[in-house]
Amino acid sequence: MGYSVVMQDSQNDQSRQNQQVSQLIADKCDLLVIEPVMVSALENVIGQLKQAQLTAVIVDRQPD
């Protein structure tokens, strides 16, 4: 049994991160680990994950 790791870097660009997460969800990844650019954008991401019935780990960002 093996696994593969796919890493995406949004370069601190929320729009890019949204696109990357949407693509990973469409690709049916088994698990996503997300360090959000903007915590406020998580609502949309969590909704997409729930709809696709996928699991994610959300990692806190450092305080501003």
Protein backbone atom coordinates (compact mmCIF):
# COMPACT_ATOMS: atom_id res chain seq x y z
CA MET A 1 0.00 0.00 0.00
CA GLY A 2 1.50 3.31 -1.04
CA TYR A 3 0.64 6.94 -1.16
CA SER A 4 1.70 10.06 -2.97
CA VAL A 5 2.06 13.61 -1.74
CA VAL A 6 1.05 16.58 -3.86
CA MET A 7 2.22 19.96 -2.60
CA GLN A 8 0.82 23.26 -3.80
CA ASP A 9 2.18 26.72 -2.93
CA SER A 10 -0.19 29.64 -3.44
CA GLN A 11 2.57 32.22 -2.91
CA ASN A 12 0.29 33.83 -0.30
CA ASP A 13 -2.33 34.49 -2.99
CA GLN A 14 -5.87 33.65 -1.82
CA SER A 15 -7.30 33.39 -5.32
CA ARG A 16 -4.57 30.97 -6.35
CA GLN A 17 -5.10 28.90 -3.19
CA ASN A 18 -8.83 28.70 -3.89
CA GLN A 19 -8.10 27.37 -7.39
CA GLN A 20 -5.56 24.86 -6.09
CA VAL A 21 -7.88 23.54 -3.37
CA SER A 22 -10.77 23.28 -5.83
CA GLN A 23 -8.59 21.28 -8.21
CA LEU A 24 -7.41 18.94 -5.43
CA ILE A 25 -11.02 18.40 -4.38
CA ALA A 26 -11.97 17.65 -8.01
CA ASP A 27 -9.07 15.19 -8.14
CA LYS A 28 -10.59 13.39 -5.11
CA CYS A 29 -7.54 13.57 -2.86
CA ASP A 30 -7.88 11.36 0.20
CA LEU A 31 -6.67 14.06 2.60
CA LEU A 32 -5.87 17.74 2.29
CA VAL A 33 -3.64 19.68 4.67
CA ILE A 34 -4.34 23.38 4.25
CA GLU A 35 -2.59 26.42 5.68
CA PRO A 36 -5.07 29.10 4.67
CA VAL A 37 -3.89 32.42 3.29
CA MET A 38 -6.96 34.03 4.86
CA VAL A 39 -8.89 32.28 7.62
CA SER A 40 -12.02 34.06 6.43
CA ALA A 41 -11.85 32.09 3.18
CA LEU A 42 -12.21 28.76 4.99
CA GLU A 43 -16.01 28.80 4.99
CA ASN A 44 -16.12 28.24 1.23
CA VAL A 45 -13.36 25.62 1.35
CA ILE A 46 -15.04 23.69 4.17
CA GLY A 47 -18.31 23.73 2.25
CA GLN A 48 -16.58 22.24 -0.80
CA LEU A 49 -14.90 19.57 1.35
CA LYS A 50 -18.18 18.59 2.99
CA GLN A 51 -19.96 18.36 -0.33
CA ALA A 52 -17.18 16.15 -1.72
CA GLN A 53 -17.03 14.15 1.56
CA LEU A 54 -13.28 14.69 1.86
CA THR A 55 -11.12 15.07 4.96
CA ALA A 56 -8.86 18.05 5.64
CA VAL A 57 -6.49 19.24 8.31
CA ILE A 58 -6.44 23.01 8.70
CA VAL A 59 -3.13 24.35 10.02
CA ASP A 60 -3.12 27.66 11.90
CA ARG A 61 -1.11 30.47 10.47
CA GLN A 62 1.22 32.52 12.59
CA PRO A 63 -0.31 35.68 14.08
CA ASP A 64 0.08 38.85 12.03
